[in-house]
Amino acid sequence: MKKAPRHETQPGNEAEPVDDMQSTLTEKAYRALEEMIVTLKLAPGSVVSEAALSQLLGIGRTPIREALHRLAHEHLVTILPRRGIIVSEVNIMTQLRLLEVRREVERLMARAASKRATPAERDAFRRIEEGMQKAASGNDDIAFMRLDQAFNQLLTQAARNDFAAGAISLMQSLSRRFWYIHYRKVADMPLAARLHGAVALAIAEGDAERAAAASDALMDYIENFTRATVTAD
């Protein structure tokens, strides 16, 4: 009995597995939609559909659907069967309840990162602290927002706690959207940058208690900022 001919694949021309392609497209769809929601290009309360989003992003409906389920898990959208997808409203009480949890998780992560960070990660925290100081001195909100995202990613990585990482991932997008909506009205951006820098430096220096205290000081500021939005509006 003859063996079926084996098809050789030339090096460098390997076909990407279908599952990997799907995962890549889902991640691309998620990142695009998350940014659109956080930056209010998809406004709170707006109704969207898989078909419209698929056409807008040029991505198939299956990756769009999977990305939307992830966004629903993060409370950024609500999926209503046969009615569409609603972008979640911004609610001050929801944000304050979120901060109750975020305070505890970020304190834990700051302590853990100060103990578990690698030398390369500690160097990265030092660079973030230096960048935050420059952003504060120049009142550079764009640099601050980029550094803030880098800080969050590095903190999650250096803490090496999958459970904390899962919890914090559910809060980051909601927090970023709330900041984006209100920071021009009531935020003291230089102070926020310096407070982030203090956490980063304490982690870089391996001081767990100082990192925890700096994390609490940062969360105190964020809670005060959140409450100030009520009077600003």
C-alpha atoms as a PDB file:
ATOM      1  CA  MET A   1       0.000   0.000   0.000  1.00  0.00           C
ATOM      2  CA  LYS A   2       1.443   3.344  -1.053  1.00  0.00           C
ATOM      3  CA  LYS A   3       1.966   6.033   1.519  1.00  0.00           C
ATOM      4  CA  ALA A   4       0.249   9.319   0.822  1.00  0.00           C
ATOM      5  CA  PRO A   5       2.770  11.876  -0.416  1.00  0.00           C
ATOM      6  CA  ARG A   6       3.997  14.225   2.269  1.00  0.00           C
ATOM      7  CA  HIS A   7       3.773  17.890   1.384  1.00  0.00           C
ATOM      8  CA  GLU A   8       6.965  19.707   2.292  1.00  0.00           C
ATOM      9  CA  THR A   9       6.818  23.250   3.611  1.00  0.00           C
ATOM     10  CA  GLN A  10       9.675  25.518   2.757  1.00  0.00           C
ATOM     11  CA  PRO A  11      11.374  27.149   5.749  1.00  0.00           C
ATOM     12  CA  GLY A  12       9.905  30.568   6.431  1.00  0.00           C
ATOM     13  CA  ASN A  13       6.711  29.753   4.502  1.00  0.00           C
ATOM     14  CA  GLU A  14       4.925  27.755   7.174  1.00  0.00           C
ATOM     15  CA  ALA A  15       1.194  28.385   7.180  1.00  0.00           C
ATOM     16  CA  GLU A  16      -0.035  29.981  10.380  1.00  0.00           C
ATOM     17  CA  PRO A  17      -2.371  27.569  12.227  1.00  0.00           C
ATOM     18  CA  VAL A  18      -6.033  28.523  11.926  1.00  0.00           C
ATOM     19  CA  ASP A  19      -6.423  28.764  15.719  1.00  0.00           C
ATOM     20  CA  ASP A  20      -3.450  31.132  15.959  1.00  0.00           C
ATOM     21  CA  MET A  21      -4.820  33.302  13.161  1.00  0.00           C
ATOM     22  CA  GLN A  22      -8.188  33.451  14.913  1.00  0.00           C
ATOM     23  CA  SER A  23      -6.529  34.357  18.215  1.00  0.00           C
ATOM     24  CA  THR A  24      -4.498  37.102  16.522  1.00  0.00           C
ATOM     25  CA  LEU A  25      -7.599  38.594  14.883  1.00  0.00           C
ATOM     26  CA  THR A  26      -9.558  38.415  18.138  1.00  0.00           C
ATOM     27  CA  GLU A  27      -6.775  40.249  19.988  1.00  0.00           C
ATOM     28  CA  LYS A  28      -6.616  42.853  17.210  1.00  0.00           C
ATOM     29  CA  ALA A  29     -10.380  43.348  17.392  1.00  0.00           C
ATOM     30  CA  TYR A  30     -10.300  43.566  21.192  1.00  0.00           C
ATOM     31  CA  ARG A  31      -7.542  46.176  21.276  1.00  0.00           C
ATOM     32  CA  ALA A  32      -9.234  48.305  18.623  1.00  0.00           C
ATOM     33  CA  LEU A  33     -12.661  48.184  20.278  1.00  0.00           C
ATOM     34  CA  GLU A  34     -11.274  48.717  23.791  1.00  0.00           C
ATOM     35  CA  GLU A  35      -9.439  51.837  22.647  1.00  0.00           C
ATOM     36  CA  MET A  36     -12.537  53.138  20.849  1.00  0.00           C
ATOM     37  CA  ILE A  37     -14.600  52.703  24.018  1.00  0.00           C
ATOM     38  CA  VAL A  38     -11.974  54.164  26.381  1.00  0.00           C
ATOM     39  CA  THR A  39     -11.435  57.216  24.153  1.00  0.00           C
ATOM     40  CA  LEU A  40     -15.207  57.680  23.679  1.00  0.00           C
ATOM     41  CA  LYS A  41     -15.188  57.028  19.932  1.00  0.00           C
ATOM     42  CA  LEU A  42     -17.851  54.524  20.923  1.00  0.00           C
ATOM     43  CA  ALA A  43     -19.794  56.697  23.345  1.00  0.00           C
ATOM     44  CA  PRO A  44     -21.407  55.437  26.560  1.00  0.00           C
ATOM     45  CA  GLY A  45     -24.952  54.274  25.838  1.00  0.00           C
ATOM     46  CA  SER A  46     -24.418  53.866  22.109  1.00  0.00           C
ATOM     47  CA  VAL A  47     -25.782  50.749  20.389  1.00  0.00           C
ATOM     48  CA  VAL A  48     -23.559  48.831  17.987  1.00  0.00           C
ATOM     49  CA  SER A  49     -23.768  45.560  16.085  1.00  0.00           C
ATOM     50  CA  GLU A  50     -21.338  42.815  15.173  1.00  0.00           C
ATOM     51  CA  ALA A  51     -21.949  43.470  11.491  1.00  0.00           C
ATOM     52  CA  ALA A  52     -21.263  47.208  11.739  1.00  0.00           C
ATOM     53  CA  LEU A  53     -18.116  46.713  13.819  1.00  0.00           C
ATOM     54  CA  SER A  54     -16.889  44.007  11.463  1.00  0.00           C
ATOM     55  CA  GLN A  55     -17.274  46.357   8.517  1.00  0.00           C
ATOM     56  CA  LEU A  56     -15.702  49.267  10.404  1.00  0.00           C
ATOM     57  CA  LEU A  57     -12.579  47.314  11.431  1.00  0.00           C
ATOM     58  CA  GLY A  58     -12.327  45.040   8.400  1.00  0.00           C
ATOM     59  CA  ILE A  59     -12.288  41.972  10.658  1.00  0.00           C
ATOM     60  CA  GLY A  60     -14.594  38.959  10.424  1.00  0.00           C
ATOM     61  CA  ARG A  61     -17.604  38.619  12.680  1.00  0.00           C
ATOM     62  CA  THR A  62     -16.266  35.677  14.690  1.00  0.00           C
ATOM     63  CA  PRO A  63     -13.236  37.593  16.084  1.00  0.00           C
ATOM     64  CA  ILE A  64     -15.508  40.608  16.670  1.00  0.00           C
ATOM     65  CA  ARG A  65     -17.946  38.414  18.598  1.00  0.00           C
ATOM     66  CA  GLU A  66     -15.165  36.936  20.744  1.00  0.00           C
ATOM     67  CA  ALA A  67     -13.723  40.390  21.443  1.00  0.00           C
ATOM     68  CA  LEU A  68     -17.158  41.667  22.463  1.00  0.00           C
ATOM     69  CA  HIS A  69     -17.587  38.809  24.923  1.00  0.00           C
ATOM     70  CA  ARG A  70     -14.262  39.779  26.502  1.00  0.00           C
ATOM     71  CA  LEU A  71     -15.380  43.424  26.684  1.00  0.00           C
ATOM     72  CA  ALA A  72     -18.656  42.319  28.272  1.00  0.00           C
ATOM     73  CA  HIS A  73     -16.654  40.403  30.898  1.00  0.00           C
ATOM     74  CA  GLU A  74     -14.822  43.684  31.617  1.00  0.00           C
ATOM     75  CA  HIS A  75     -18.168  45.548  31.927  1.00  0.00           C
ATOM     76  CA  LEU A  76     -17.439  47.811  28.963  1.00  0.00           C
ATOM     77  CA  VAL A  77     -20.394  46.544  26.922  1.00  0.00           C
ATOM     78  CA  THR A  78     -23.661  44.732  27.546  1.00  0.00           C
ATOM     79  CA  ILE A  79     -24.731  42.125  24.995  1.00  0.00           C
ATOM     80  CA  LEU A  80     -28.489  41.920  24.479  1.00  0.00           C
ATOM     81  CA  PRO A  81     -29.473  38.908  22.342  1.00  0.00           C
ATOM     82  CA  ARG A  82     -31.349  39.948  19.178  1.00  0.00           C
ATOM     83  CA  ARG A  83     -31.183  43.610  20.244  1.00  0.00           C
ATOM     84  CA  GLY A  84     -27.530  44.547  19.828  1.00  0.00           C
ATOM     85  CA  ILE A  85     -24.574  45.577  21.958  1.00  0.00           C
ATOM     86  CA  ILE A  86     -24.742  48.585  24.260  1.00  0.00           C
ATOM     87  CA  VAL A  87     -21.623  50.427  25.379  1.00  0.00           C
ATOM     88  CA  SER A  88     -21.808  50.682  29.167  1.00  0.00           C
ATOM     89  CA  GLU A  89     -22.648  53.985  30.809  1.00  0.00           C
ATOM     90  CA  VAL A  90     -20.179  55.736  33.112  1.00  0.00           C
ATOM     91  CA  ASN A  91     -21.413  55.608  36.692  1.00  0.00           C
ATOM     92  CA  ILE A  92     -19.736  57.305  39.668  1.00  0.00           C
ATOM     93  CA  MET A  93     -20.939  54.695  42.175  1.00  0.00           C
ATOM     94  CA  THR A  94     -19.686  51.854  39.987  1.00  0.00           C
ATOM     95  CA  GLN A  95     -16.321  53.575  39.809  1.00  0.00           C
ATOM     96  CA  LEU A  96     -16.118  54.010  43.592  1.00  0.00           C
ATOM     97  CA  ARG A  97     -16.970  50.329  44.173  1.00  0.00           C
ATOM     98  CA  LEU A  98     -14.318  49.398  41.643  1.00  0.00           C
ATOM     99  CA  LEU A  99     -11.763  51.483  43.551  1.00  0.00           C
ATOM    100  CA  GLU A 100     -12.504  49.589  46.777  1.00  0.00           C
ATOM    101  CA  VAL A 101     -11.270  46.409  45.106  1.00  0.00           C
ATOM    102  CA  ARG A 102      -8.522  48.069  43.080  1.00  0.00           C
ATOM    103  CA  ARG A 103      -6.960  49.549  46.231  1.00  0.00           C
ATOM    104  CA  GLU A 104      -6.524  46.121  47.811  1.00  0.00           C
ATOM    105  CA  VAL A 105      -5.313  44.389  44.656  1.00  0.00           C
ATOM    106  CA  GLU A 106      -2.816  47.092  43.689  1.00  0.00           C
ATOM    107  CA  ARG A 107      -1.362  47.196  47.207  1.00  0.00           C
ATOM    108  CA  LEU A 108      -0.871  43.426  47.058  1.00  0.00           C
ATOM    109  CA  MET A 109       0.709  43.690  43.598  1.00  0.00           C
ATOM    110  CA  ALA A 110       3.054  46.507  44.650  1.00  0.00           C
ATOM    111  CA  ARG A 111       4.299  44.435  47.584  1.00  0.00           C
ATOM    112  CA  ALA A 112       4.689  41.329  45.439  1.00  0.00           C
ATOM    113  CA  ALA A 113       6.482  43.140  42.623  1.00  0.00           C
ATOM    114  CA  SER A 114       8.951  44.714  45.042  1.00  0.00           C
ATOM    115  CA  LYS A 115       9.929  41.198  46.150  1.00  0.00           C
ATOM    116  CA  ARG A 116       9.725  39.306  42.845  1.00  0.00           C
ATOM    117  CA  ALA A 117      10.825  41.759  40.162  1.00  0.00           C
ATOM    118  CA  THR A 118      13.871  40.735  38.136  1.00  0.00           C
ATOM    119  CA  PRO A 119      16.859  43.091  37.817  1.00  0.00           C
ATOM    120  CA  ALA A 120      15.686  44.005  34.300  1.00  0.00           C
ATOM    121  CA  GLU A 121      12.206  44.785  35.609  1.00  0.00           C
ATOM    122  CA  ARG A 122      13.633  46.929  38.402  1.00  0.00           C
ATOM    123  CA  ASP A 123      15.552  48.899  35.795  1.00  0.00           C
ATOM    124  CA  ALA A 124      12.311  49.324  33.835  1.00  0.00           C
ATOM    125  CA  PHE A 125      10.544  50.611  36.965  1.00  0.00           C
ATOM    126  CA  ARG A 126      13.364  53.136  37.454  1.00  0.00           C
ATOM    127  CA  ARG A 127      12.957  54.336  33.863  1.00  0.00           C
ATOM    128  CA  ILE A 128       9.216  54.709  34.409  1.00  0.00           C
ATOM    129  CA  GLU A 129       9.855  56.730  37.582  1.00  0.00           C
ATOM    130  CA  GLU A 130      12.229  59.020  35.674  1.00  0.00           C
ATOM    131  CA  GLY A 131       9.681  59.392  32.885  1.00  0.00           C
ATOM    132  CA  MET A 132       6.932  60.206  35.360  1.00  0.00           C
ATOM    133  CA  GLN A 133       9.064  62.942  36.909  1.00  0.00           C
ATOM    134  CA  LYS A 134       9.663  64.455  33.459  1.00  0.00           C
ATOM    135  CA  ALA A 135       5.956  64.233  32.633  1.00  0.00           C
ATOM    136  CA  ALA A 136       5.141  65.980  35.926  1.00  0.00           C
ATOM    137  CA  SER A 137       7.690  68.747  35.308  1.00  0.00           C
ATOM    138  CA  GLY A 138       6.424  69.359  31.780  1.00  0.00           C
ATOM    139  CA  ASN A 139       2.735  68.768  32.558  1.00  0.00           C
ATOM    140  CA  ASP A 140       2.811  66.317  29.641  1.00  0.00           C
ATOM    141  CA  ASP A 141      -0.462  64.414  29.760  1.00  0.00           C
ATOM    142  CA  ILE A 142       0.252  62.268  26.681  1.00  0.00           C
ATOM    143  CA  ALA A 143       3.585  61.062  28.084  1.00  0.00           C
ATOM    144  CA  PHE A 144       1.868  60.390  31.418  1.00  0.00           C
ATOM    145  CA  MET A 145      -0.899  58.257  29.883  1.00  0.00           C
ATOM    146  CA  ARG A 146       1.624  56.178  27.934  1.00  0.00           C
ATOM    147  CA  LEU A 147       3.804  55.704  31.003  1.00  0.00           C
ATOM    148  CA  ASP A 148       0.741  54.807  33.072  1.00  0.00           C
ATOM    149  CA  GLN A 149      -0.142  52.000  30.671  1.00  0.00           C
ATOM    150  CA  ALA A 150       3.474  50.765  30.683  1.00  0.00           C
ATOM    151  CA  PHE A 151       3.504  50.899  34.506  1.00  0.00           C
ATOM    152  CA  ASN A 152       0.296  48.844  34.741  1.00  0.00           C
ATOM    153  CA  GLN A 153       1.645  46.182  32.394  1.00  0.00           C
ATOM    154  CA  LEU A 154       4.995  45.993  34.184  1.00  0.00           C
ATOM    155  CA  LEU A 155       3.363  45.841  37.625  1.00  0.00           C
ATOM    156  CA  THR A 156       1.135  42.957  36.530  1.00  0.00           C
ATOM    157  CA  GLN A 157       4.129  41.114  35.081  1.00  0.00           C
ATOM    158  CA  ALA A 158       6.492  41.684  38.014  1.00  0.00           C
ATOM    159  CA  ALA A 159       3.941  40.721  40.707  1.00  0.00           C
ATOM    160  CA  ARG A 160       3.749  37.186  39.278  1.00  0.00           C
ATOM    161  CA  ASN A 161       0.307  36.453  40.668  1.00  0.00           C
ATOM    162  CA  ASP A 162      -2.161  35.200  38.068  1.00  0.00           C
ATOM    163  CA  PHE A 163      -5.144  35.725  40.363  1.00  0.00           C
ATOM    164  CA  ALA A 164      -4.287  39.370  41.003  1.00  0.00           C
ATOM    165  CA  ALA A 165      -3.583  39.839  37.291  1.00  0.00           C
ATOM    166  CA  GLY A 166      -7.021  38.468  36.417  1.00  0.00           C
ATOM    167  CA  ALA A 167      -8.718  40.763  38.916  1.00  0.00           C
ATOM    168  CA  ILE A 168      -6.875  43.916  37.879  1.00  0.00           C
ATOM    169  CA  SER A 169      -7.473  43.271  34.173  1.00  0.00           C
ATOM    170  CA  LEU A 170     -11.214  43.653  34.793  1.00  0.00           C
ATOM    171  CA  MET A 171     -10.700  47.154  36.216  1.00  0.00           C
ATOM    172  CA  GLN A 172      -8.056  48.781  34.059  1.00  0.00           C
ATOM    173  CA  SER A 173     -10.179  49.664  31.029  1.00  0.00           C
ATOM    174  CA  LEU A 174     -13.029  51.091  33.116  1.00  0.00           C
ATOM    175  CA  SER A 175     -10.531  53.157  35.095  1.00  0.00           C
ATOM    176  CA  ARG A 176      -8.790  54.417  31.959  1.00  0.00           C
ATOM    177  CA  ARG A 177     -12.096  55.472  30.412  1.00  0.00           C
ATOM    178  CA  PHE A 178     -13.159  57.319  33.569  1.00  0.00           C
ATOM    179  CA  TRP A 179      -9.815  59.151  33.653  1.00  0.00           C
ATOM    180  CA  TYR A 180     -10.053  60.026  29.947  1.00  0.00           C
ATOM    181  CA  ILE A 181     -13.503  61.565  30.413  1.00  0.00           C
ATOM    182  CA  HIS A 182     -12.682  63.698  33.444  1.00  0.00           C
ATOM    183  CA  TYR A 183      -8.955  64.351  33.739  1.00  0.00           C
ATOM    184  CA  ARG A 184      -8.950  67.691  31.907  1.00  0.00           C
ATOM    185  CA  LYS A 185     -11.532  69.093  34.349  1.00  0.00           C
ATOM    186  CA  VAL A 186     -10.371  67.938  37.765  1.00  0.00           C
ATOM    187  CA  ALA A 187      -7.105  65.992  37.585  1.00  0.00           C
ATOM    188  CA  ASP A 188      -3.794  67.246  38.950  1.00  0.00           C
ATOM    189  CA  MET A 189      -1.740  65.419  36.324  1.00  0.00           C
ATOM    190  CA  PRO A 190       1.714  66.351  37.734  1.00  0.00           C
ATOM    191  CA  LEU A 191       0.676  65.022  41.151  1.00  0.00           C
ATOM    192  CA  ALA A 192      -0.691  61.820  39.591  1.00  0.00           C
ATOM    193  CA  ALA A 193       2.597  61.333  37.735  1.00  0.00           C
ATOM    194  CA  ARG A 194       4.673  61.857  40.886  1.00  0.00           C
ATOM    195  CA  LEU A 195       2.519  59.398  42.847  1.00  0.00           C
ATOM    196  CA  HIS A 196       2.911  56.739  40.151  1.00  0.00           C
ATOM    197  CA  GLY A 197       6.646  57.424  40.157  1.00  0.00           C
ATOM    198  CA  ALA A 198       6.842  56.893  43.916  1.00  0.00           C
ATOM    199  CA  VAL A 199       5.318  53.410  43.581  1.00  0.00           C
ATOM    200  CA  ALA A 200       7.667  52.552  40.715  1.00  0.00           C
ATOM    201  CA  LEU A 201      10.761  53.693  42.626  1.00  0.00           C
ATOM    202  CA  ALA A 202       9.830  51.781  45.779  1.00  0.00           C
ATOM    203  CA  ILE A 203       9.364  48.604  43.720  1.00  0.00           C
ATOM    204  CA  ALA A 204      12.672  49.208  41.920  1.00  0.00           C
ATOM    205  CA  GLU A 205      14.418  49.477  45.289  1.00  0.00           C
ATOM    206  CA  GLY A 206      12.733  46.359  46.671  1.00  0.00           C
ATOM    207  CA  ASP A 207      11.016  48.150  49.569  1.00  0.00           C
ATOM    208  CA  ALA A 208       7.733  46.270  49.959  1.00  0.00           C
ATOM    209  CA  GLU A 209       6.254  48.377  52.761  1.00  0.00           C
ATOM    210  CA  ARG A 210       7.114  51.660  51.056  1.00  0.00           C
ATOM    211  CA  ALA A 211       5.646  50.331  47.812  1.00  0.00           C
ATOM    212  CA  ALA A 212       2.394  49.421  49.605  1.00  0.00           C
ATOM    213  CA  ALA A 213       2.195  52.843  51.278  1.00  0.00           C
ATOM    214  CA  ALA A 214       2.911  54.607  47.964  1.00  0.00           C
ATOM    215  CA  SER A 215       0.194  52.514  46.301  1.00  0.00           C
ATOM    216  CA  ASP A 216      -2.292  53.596  48.989  1.00  0.00           C
ATOM    217  CA  ALA A 217      -1.316  57.250  48.499  1.00  0.00           C
ATOM    218  CA  LEU A 218      -1.918  56.885  44.770  1.00  0.00           C
ATOM    219  CA  MET A 219      -5.329  55.292  45.369  1.00  0.00           C
ATOM    220  CA  ASP A 220      -6.230  58.083  47.817  1.00  0.00           C
ATOM    221  CA  TYR A 221      -5.567  60.569  45.023  1.00  0.00           C
ATOM    222  CA  ILE A 222      -7.581  58.556  42.482  1.00  0.00           C
ATOM    223  CA  GLU A 223     -10.535  58.280  44.878  1.00  0.00           C
ATOM    224  CA  ASN A 224     -10.454  62.034  45.562  1.00  0.00           C
ATOM    225  CA  PHE A 225     -10.262  62.661  41.816  1.00  0.00           C
ATOM    226  CA  THR A 226     -13.264  60.392  41.278  1.00  0.00           C
ATOM    227  CA  ARG A 227     -15.359  62.160  43.913  1.00  0.00           C
ATOM    228  CA  ALA A 228     -14.353  65.590  42.536  1.00  0.00           C
ATOM    229  CA  THR A 229     -15.950  64.714  39.191  1.00  0.00           C
ATOM    230  CA  VAL A 230     -19.380  64.930  40.822  1.00  0.00           C
ATOM    231  CA  THR A 231     -19.028  68.642  41.627  1.00  0.00           C
ATOM    232  CA  ALA A 232     -17.215  69.344  38.348  1.00  0.00           C
ATOM    233  CA  ASP A 233     -20.201  68.047  36.375  1.00  0.00           C
END
